[in-house]
């Protein structure tokens, strides 16, 4: 398992040019780490907001749409 992780890290390094030869490898890894954290946070928010939306207001639009008596019908 560890060898497979190292393989993907090396592959990522080669594809992105973060081999350290230009001296900007640390900055590149910081950018990648920051981007990864943003993606993880976005997935977390997406999953939690999808499973537990949190709209408690009785006048929320989703409640008005689902009640058929209050929906205006186009003629």
PDB file of N, CA and C in Angstrom:
ATOM      1  N   UNK A   1       0.824  -1.192   0.000  1.00  0.00           N
ATOM      2  CA  UNK A   1       0.000   0.000   0.000  1.00  0.00           C
ATOM      3  C   UNK A   1       0.869   1.257   0.000  1.00  0.00           C
ATOM      4  N   UNK A   2       1.928   1.233   0.820  1.00  0.00           N
ATOM      5  CA  UNK A   2       2.814   2.385   0.916  1.00  0.00           C
ATOM      6  C   UNK A   2       3.521   2.645  -0.417  1.00  0.00           C
ATOM      7  N   UNK A   3       3.877   1.576  -1.114  1.00  0.00           N
ATOM      8  CA  UNK A   3       4.535   1.735  -2.412  1.00  0.00           C
ATOM      9  C   UNK A   3       3.603   2.391  -3.422  1.00  0.00           C
ATOM     10  N   UNK A   4       2.307   2.048  -3.356  1.00  0.00           N
ATOM     11  CA  UNK A   4       1.335   2.634  -4.271  1.00  0.00           C
ATOM     12  C   UNK A   4       1.163   4.128  -3.987  1.00  0.00           C
ATOM     13  N   UNK A   5       1.160   4.504  -2.709  1.00  0.00           N
ATOM     14  CA  UNK A   5       1.056   5.915  -2.344  1.00  0.00           C
ATOM     15  C   UNK A   5       2.275   6.676  -2.847  1.00  0.00           C
ATOM     16  N   UNK A   6       3.453   6.100  -2.652  1.00  0.00           N
ATOM     17  CA  UNK A   6       4.669   6.740  -3.156  1.00  0.00           C
ATOM     18  C   UNK A   6       4.659   6.853  -4.674  1.00  0.00           C
ATOM     19  N   UNK A   7       4.128   5.843  -5.350  1.00  0.00           N
ATOM     20  CA  UNK A   7       4.024   5.898  -6.804  1.00  0.00           C
ATOM     21  C   UNK A   7       3.190   7.102  -7.243  1.00  0.00           C
ATOM     22  N   UNK A   8       2.026   7.302  -6.618  1.00  0.00           N
ATOM     23  CA  UNK A   8       1.164   8.416  -7.000  1.00  0.00           C
ATOM     24  C   UNK A   8       1.763   9.768  -6.617  1.00  0.00           C
ATOM     25  N   UNK A   9       2.478   9.815  -5.508  1.00  0.00           N
ATOM     26  CA  UNK A   9       3.157  11.061  -5.148  1.00  0.00           C
ATOM     27  C   UNK A   9       4.228  11.388  -6.173  1.00  0.00           C
ATOM     28  N   UNK A  10       5.004  10.404  -6.568  1.00  0.00           N
ATOM     29  CA  UNK A  10       6.042  10.636  -7.582  1.00  0.00           C
ATOM     30  C   UNK A  10       5.426  10.988  -8.928  1.00  0.00           C
ATOM     31  N   UNK A  11       4.354  10.326  -9.292  1.00  0.00           N
ATOM     32  CA  UNK A  11       3.670  10.642 -10.544  1.00  0.00           C
ATOM     33  C   UNK A  11       3.154  12.072 -10.524  1.00  0.00           C
ATOM     34  N   UNK A  12       2.539  12.459  -9.415  1.00  0.00           N
ATOM     35  CA  UNK A  12       2.043  13.821  -9.258  1.00  0.00           C
ATOM     36  C   UNK A  12       3.188  14.823  -9.364  1.00  0.00           C
ATOM     37  N   UNK A  13       4.293  14.516  -8.732  1.00  0.00           N
ATOM     38  CA  UNK A  13       5.445  15.414  -8.777  1.00  0.00           C
ATOM     39  C   UNK A  13       5.959  15.591 -10.199  1.00  0.00           C
ATOM     40  N   UNK A  14       6.017  14.520 -10.929  1.00  0.00           N
ATOM     41  CA  UNK A  14       6.504  14.599 -12.313  1.00  0.00           C
ATOM     42  C   UNK A  14       5.541  15.358 -13.217  1.00  0.00           C
ATOM     43  N   UNK A  15       4.249  15.089 -13.066  1.00  0.00           N
ATOM     44  CA  UNK A  15       3.270  15.747 -13.922  1.00  0.00           C
ATOM     45  C   UNK A  15       3.159  17.241 -13.641  1.00  0.00           C
ATOM     46  N   UNK A  16       3.328  17.634 -12.404  1.00  0.00           N
ATOM     47  CA  UNK A  16       3.178  19.038 -12.027  1.00  0.00           C
ATOM     48  C   UNK A  16       4.496  19.793 -12.012  1.00  0.00           C
ATOM     49  N   UNK A  17       5.585  19.108 -12.201  1.00  0.00           N
ATOM     50  CA  UNK A  17       6.877  19.776 -12.242  1.00  0.00           C
ATOM     51  C   UNK A  17       7.407  20.171 -10.876  1.00  0.00           C
ATOM     52  N   UNK A  18       6.931  19.544  -9.827  1.00  0.00           N
ATOM     53  CA  UNK A  18       7.390  19.873  -8.482  1.00  0.00           C
ATOM     54  C   UNK A  18       8.537  18.941  -8.091  1.00  0.00           C
ATOM     55  N   UNK A  19       9.581  18.946  -8.864  1.00  0.00           N
ATOM     56  CA  UNK A  19      10.702  18.068  -8.550  1.00  0.00           C
ATOM     57  C   UNK A  19      11.791  18.775  -7.746  1.00  0.00           C
ATOM     58  N   UNK A  20      11.629  20.055  -7.499  1.00  0.00           N
ATOM     59  CA  UNK A  20      12.587  20.786  -6.689  1.00  0.00           C
ATOM     60  C   UNK A  20      13.760  21.339  -7.464  1.00  0.00           C
ATOM     61  N   UNK A  21      13.829  21.098  -8.761  1.00  0.00           N
ATOM     62  CA  UNK A  21      14.981  21.548  -9.535  1.00  0.00           C
ATOM     63  C   UNK A  21      14.988  23.059  -9.755  1.00  0.00           C
ATOM     64  N   UNK A  22      13.846  23.692  -9.698  1.00  0.00           N
ATOM     65  CA  UNK A  22      13.783  25.133  -9.925  1.00  0.00           C
ATOM     66  C   UNK A  22      13.728  25.917  -8.621  1.00  0.00           C
ATOM     67  N   UNK A  23      13.692  25.271  -7.510  1.00  0.00           N
ATOM     68  CA  UNK A  23      13.694  25.953  -6.238  1.00  0.00           C
ATOM     69  C   UNK A  23      12.322  26.399  -5.758  1.00  0.00           C
ATOM     70  N   UNK A  24      11.288  26.227  -6.547  1.00  0.00           N
ATOM     71  CA  UNK A  24       9.952  26.644  -6.158  1.00  0.00           C
ATOM     72  C   UNK A  24       9.074  25.498  -5.719  1.00  0.00           C
ATOM     73  N   UNK A  25       9.684  24.383  -5.350  1.00  0.00           N
ATOM     74  CA  UNK A  25       8.900  23.197  -5.001  1.00  0.00           C
ATOM     75  C   UNK A  25       8.079  23.416  -3.743  1.00  0.00           C
ATOM     76  N   UNK A  26       8.620  24.109  -2.778  1.00  0.00           N
ATOM     77  CA  UNK A  26       7.895  24.311  -1.525  1.00  0.00           C
ATOM     78  C   UNK A  26       6.639  25.136  -1.782  1.00  0.00           C
ATOM     79  N   UNK A  27       6.771  26.192  -2.563  1.00  0.00           N
ATOM     80  CA  UNK A  27       5.605  27.011  -2.890  1.00  0.00           C
ATOM     81  C   UNK A  27       4.561  26.186  -3.641  1.00  0.00           C
ATOM     82  N   UNK A  28       4.995  25.353  -4.564  1.00  0.00           N
ATOM     83  CA  UNK A  28       4.080  24.502  -5.311  1.00  0.00           C
ATOM     84  C   UNK A  28       3.333  23.547  -4.413  1.00  0.00           C
ATOM     85  N   UNK A  29       4.023  22.927  -3.478  1.00  0.00           N
ATOM     86  CA  UNK A  29       3.373  22.008  -2.554  1.00  0.00           C
ATOM     87  C   UNK A  29       2.410  22.726  -1.624  1.00  0.00           C
ATOM     88  N   UNK A  30       2.738  23.959  -1.242  1.00  0.00           N
ATOM     89  CA  UNK A  30       1.823  24.744  -0.405  1.00  0.00           C
ATOM     90  C   UNK A  30       0.543  25.043  -1.170  1.00  0.00           C
ATOM     91  N   UNK A  31       0.675  25.393  -2.445  1.00  0.00           N
ATOM     92  CA  UNK A  31      -0.497  25.663  -3.276  1.00  0.00           C
ATOM     93  C   UNK A  31      -1.351  24.413  -3.417  1.00  0.00           C
ATOM     94  N   UNK A  32      -0.723  23.284  -3.662  1.00  0.00           N
ATOM     95  CA  UNK A  32      -1.449  22.022  -3.807  1.00  0.00           C
ATOM     96  C   UNK A  32      -2.132  21.649  -2.494  1.00  0.00           C
ATOM     97  N   UNK A  33      -1.456  21.809  -1.374  1.00  0.00           N
ATOM     98  CA  UNK A  33      -2.044  21.495  -0.077  1.00  0.00           C
ATOM     99  C   UNK A  33      -3.236  22.400   0.209  1.00  0.00           C
ATOM    100  N   UNK A  34      -3.088  23.691  -0.059  1.00  0.00           N
ATOM    101  CA  UNK A  34      -4.174  24.638   0.158  1.00  0.00           C
ATOM    102  C   UNK A  34      -5.372  24.296  -0.726  1.00  0.00           C
ATOM    103  N   UNK A  35      -5.117  23.962  -1.970  1.00  0.00           N
ATOM    104  CA  UNK A  35      -6.195  23.595  -2.893  1.00  0.00           C
ATOM    105  C   UNK A  35      -6.895  22.321  -2.432  1.00  0.00           C
ATOM    106  N   UNK A  36      -6.134  21.372  -1.951  1.00  0.00           N
ATOM    107  CA  UNK A  36      -6.707  20.130  -1.450  1.00  0.00           C
ATOM    108  C   UNK A  36      -7.613  20.394  -0.255  1.00  0.00           C
ATOM    109  N   UNK A  37      -7.186  21.266   0.640  1.00  0.00           N
ATOM    110  CA  UNK A  37      -8.008  21.603   1.796  1.00  0.00           C
ATOM    111  C   UNK A  37      -9.309  22.283   1.374  1.00  0.00           C
ATOM    112  N   UNK A  38      -9.246  23.136   0.359  1.00  0.00           N
ATOM    113  CA  UNK A  38     -10.456  23.789  -0.144  1.00  0.00           C
ATOM    114  C   UNK A  38     -11.421  22.766  -0.725  1.00  0.00           C
ATOM    115  N   UNK A  39     -10.909  21.819  -1.481  1.00  0.00           N
ATOM    116  CA  UNK A  39     -11.763  20.786  -2.076  1.00  0.00           C
ATOM    117  C   UNK A  39     -12.392  19.918  -0.987  1.00  0.00           C
ATOM    118  N   UNK A  40     -11.619  19.540   0.015  1.00  0.00           N
ATOM    119  CA  UNK A  40     -12.162  18.735   1.108  1.00  0.00           C
ATOM    120  C   UNK A  40     -13.244  19.509   1.850  1.00  0.00           C
ATOM    121  N   UNK A  41     -13.000  20.786   2.109  1.00  0.00           N
ATOM    122  CA  UNK A  41     -14.009  21.612   2.790  1.00  0.00           C
ATOM    123  C   UNK A  41     -15.270  21.742   1.943  1.00  0.00           C
ATOM    124  N   UNK A  42     -15.106  21.901   0.630  1.00  0.00           N
ATOM    125  CA  UNK A  42     -16.273  22.013  -0.255  1.00  0.00           C
ATOM    126  C   UNK A  42     -17.095  20.729  -0.247  1.00  0.00           C
ATOM    127  N   UNK A  43     -16.439  19.582  -0.289  1.00  0.00           N
ATOM    128  CA  UNK A  43     -17.160  18.317  -0.224  1.00  0.00           C
ATOM    129  C   UNK A  43     -17.875  18.162   1.114  1.00  0.00           C
ATOM    130  N   UNK A  44     -17.226  18.559   2.202  1.00  0.00           N
ATOM    131  CA  UNK A  44     -17.842  18.473   3.518  1.00  0.00           C
ATOM    132  C   UNK A  44     -19.110  19.325   3.579  1.00  0.00           C
ATOM    133  N   UNK A  45     -19.022  20.563   3.103  1.00  0.00           N
ATOM    134  CA  UNK A  45     -20.184  21.451   3.108  1.00  0.00           C
ATOM    135  C   UNK A  45     -21.280  20.895   2.207  1.00  0.00           C
ATOM    136  N   UNK A  46     -20.901  20.386   1.031  1.00  0.00           N
ATOM    137  CA  UNK A  46     -21.876  19.828   0.094  1.00  0.00           C
ATOM    138  C   UNK A  46     -22.631  18.662   0.732  1.00  0.00           C
ATOM    139  N   UNK A  47     -21.907  17.755   1.370  1.00  0.00           N
ATOM    140  CA  UNK A  47     -22.553  16.578   1.958  1.00  0.00           C
ATOM    141  C   UNK A  47     -23.427  16.978   3.146  1.00  0.00           C
ATOM    142  N   UNK A  48     -22.903  17.820   4.029  1.00  0.00           N
ATOM    143  CA  UNK A  48     -23.694  18.183   5.207  1.00  0.00           C
ATOM    144  C   UNK A  48     -24.911  19.014   4.832  1.00  0.00           C
ATOM    145  N   UNK A  49     -24.792  19.919   3.878  1.00  0.00           N
ATOM    146  CA  UNK A  49     -25.943  20.728   3.464  1.00  0.00           C
ATOM    147  C   UNK A  49     -26.961  19.897   2.681  1.00  0.00           C
ATOM    148  N   UNK A  50     -26.502  18.852   2.017  1.00  0.00           N
ATOM    149  CA  UNK A  50     -27.431  17.982   1.286  1.00  0.00           C
ATOM    150  C   UNK A  50     -28.216  17.087   2.234  1.00  0.00           C
ATOM    151  N   UNK A  51     -27.545  16.569   3.250  1.00  0.00           N
ATOM    152  CA  UNK A  51     -28.213  15.657   4.175  1.00  0.00           C
ATOM    153  C   UNK A  51     -29.035  16.383   5.229  1.00  0.00           C
ATOM    154  N   UNK A  52     -28.554  17.523   5.687  1.00  0.00           N
ATOM    155  CA  UNK A  52     -29.237  18.294   6.722  1.00  0.00           C
ATOM    156  C   UNK A  52     -29.317  19.758   6.288  1.00  0.00           C
ATOM    157  N   UNK A  53     -30.289  20.111   5.438  1.00  0.00           N
ATOM    158  CA  UNK A  53     -30.338  21.468   4.880  1.00  0.00           C
ATOM    159  C   UNK A  53     -30.505  22.561   5.924  1.00  0.00           C
ATOM    160  N   UNK A  54     -31.304  22.342   6.948  1.00  0.00           N
ATOM    161  CA  UNK A  54     -31.402  23.289   8.042  1.00  0.00           C
ATOM    162  C   UNK A  54     -32.406  24.412   7.854  1.00  0.00           C
ATOM    163  N   UNK A  55     -33.242  24.363   6.828  1.00  0.00           N
ATOM    164  CA  UNK A  55     -34.265  25.399   6.692  1.00  0.00           C
ATOM    165  C   UNK A  55     -35.413  25.082   7.641  1.00  0.00           C
ATOM    166  N   UNK A  56     -35.564  25.873   8.654  1.00  0.00           N
ATOM    167  CA  UNK A  56     -36.603  25.655   9.652  1.00  0.00           C
ATOM    168  C   UNK A  56     -37.753  26.650   9.514  1.00  0.00           C
ATOM    169  N   UNK A  57     -37.587  27.668   8.713  1.00  0.00           N
ATOM    170  CA  UNK A  57     -38.592  28.714   8.570  1.00  0.00           C
ATOM    171  C   UNK A  57     -39.827  28.171   7.856  1.00  0.00           C
ATOM    172  N   UNK A  58     -40.993  28.418   8.410  1.00  0.00           N
ATOM    173  CA  UNK A  58     -42.244  27.948   7.807  1.00  0.00           C
ATOM    174  C   UNK A  58     -42.562  28.683   6.503  1.00  0.00           C
ATOM    175  N   UNK A  59     -41.980  29.837   6.274  1.00  0.00           N
ATOM    176  CA  UNK A  59     -42.216  30.599   5.045  1.00  0.00           C
ATOM    177  C   UNK A  59     -41.151  30.351   3.988  1.00  0.00           C
ATOM    178  N   UNK A  60     -40.313  29.346   4.207  1.00  0.00           N
ATOM    179  CA  UNK A  60     -39.267  29.053   3.232  1.00  0.00           C
ATOM    180  C   UNK A  60     -39.901  28.647   1.903  1.00  0.00           C
ATOM    181  N   UNK A  61     -39.246  28.973   0.809  1.00  0.00           N
ATOM    182  CA  UNK A  61     -39.799  28.751  -0.529  1.00  0.00           C
ATOM    183  C   UNK A  61     -40.109  27.277  -0.791  1.00  0.00           C
ATOM    184  N   UNK A  62     -39.328  26.374  -0.216  1.00  0.00           N
ATOM    185  CA  UNK A  62     -39.586  24.952  -0.477  1.00  0.00           C
ATOM    186  C   UNK A  62     -40.931  24.516   0.091  1.00  0.00           C
ATOM    187  N   UNK A  63     -41.344  25.105   1.189  1.00  0.00           N
ATOM    188  CA  UNK A  63     -42.641  24.754   1.768  1.00  0.00           C
ATOM    189  C   UNK A  63     -43.780  25.356   0.944  1.00  0.00           C
ATOM    190  N   UNK A  64     -43.590  26.547   0.423  1.00  0.00           N
ATOM    191  CA  UNK A  64     -44.636  27.171  -0.389  1.00  0.00           C
ATOM    192  C   UNK A  64     -44.794  26.464  -1.733  1.00  0.00           C
ATOM    193  N   UNK A  65     -43.729  25.961  -2.278  1.00  0.00           N
ATOM    194  CA  UNK A  65     -43.805  25.269  -3.566  1.00  0.00           C
ATOM    195  C   UNK A  65     -44.508  23.923  -3.407  1.00  0.00           C
ATOM    196  N   UNK A  66     -44.270  23.237  -2.302  1.00  0.00           N
ATOM    197  CA  UNK A  66     -44.818  21.900  -2.120  1.00  0.00           C
ATOM    198  C   UNK A  66     -46.300  21.895  -1.758  1.00  0.00           C
ATOM    199  N   UNK A  67     -46.853  23.007  -1.333  1.00  0.00           N
ATOM    200  CA  UNK A  67     -48.278  23.081  -1.022  1.00  0.00           C
ATOM    201  C   UNK A  67     -49.020  23.468  -2.303  1.00  0.00           C
ATOM    202  N   UNK A  68     -49.793  22.541  -2.853  1.00  0.00           N
ATOM    203  CA  UNK A  68     -50.421  22.772  -4.149  1.00  0.00           C
ATOM    204  C   UNK A  68     -51.531  23.816  -4.117  1.00  0.00           C
ATOM    205  N   UNK A  69     -52.172  24.038  -2.981  1.00  0.00           N
ATOM    206  CA  UNK A  69     -53.234  25.026  -2.907  1.00  0.00           C
ATOM    207  C   UNK A  69     -52.736  26.444  -3.115  1.00  0.00           C
ATOM    208  N   UNK A  70     -51.482  26.706  -2.754  1.00  0.00           N
ATOM    209  CA  UNK A  70     -50.943  28.056  -2.838  1.00  0.00           C
ATOM    210  C   UNK A  70     -50.194  28.314  -4.134  1.00  0.00           C
ATOM    211  N   UNK A  71     -50.015  27.304  -4.974  1.00  0.00           N
ATOM    212  CA  UNK A  71     -49.271  27.498  -6.211  1.00  0.00           C
ATOM    213  C   UNK A  71     -50.171  28.163  -7.247  1.00  0.00           C
ATOM    214  N   UNK A  72     -49.778  29.317  -7.754  1.00  0.00           N
ATOM    215  CA  UNK A  72     -50.581  29.955  -8.795  1.00  0.00           C
ATOM    216  C   UNK A  72     -50.462  29.188 -10.111  1.00  0.00           C
ATOM    217  N   UNK A  73     -51.587  28.941 -10.727  1.00  0.00           N
ATOM    218  CA  UNK A  73     -51.588  28.222 -11.993  1.00  0.00           C
ATOM    219  C   UNK A  73     -51.694  29.210 -13.143  1.00  0.00           C
ATOM    220  N   UNK A  74     -50.881  28.967 -14.162  1.00  0.00           N
ATOM    221  CA  UNK A  74     -50.918  29.841 -15.338  1.00  0.00           C
ATOM    222  C   UNK A  74     -52.114  29.465 -16.202  1.00  0.00           C
ATOM    223  N   UNK A  75     -52.799  30.468 -16.754  1.00  0.00           N
ATOM    224  CA  UNK A  75     -53.964  30.203 -17.616  1.00  0.00           C
ATOM    225  C   UNK A  75     -53.609  30.432 -19.039  1.00  0.00           C
TER     226      UNK A  75
END
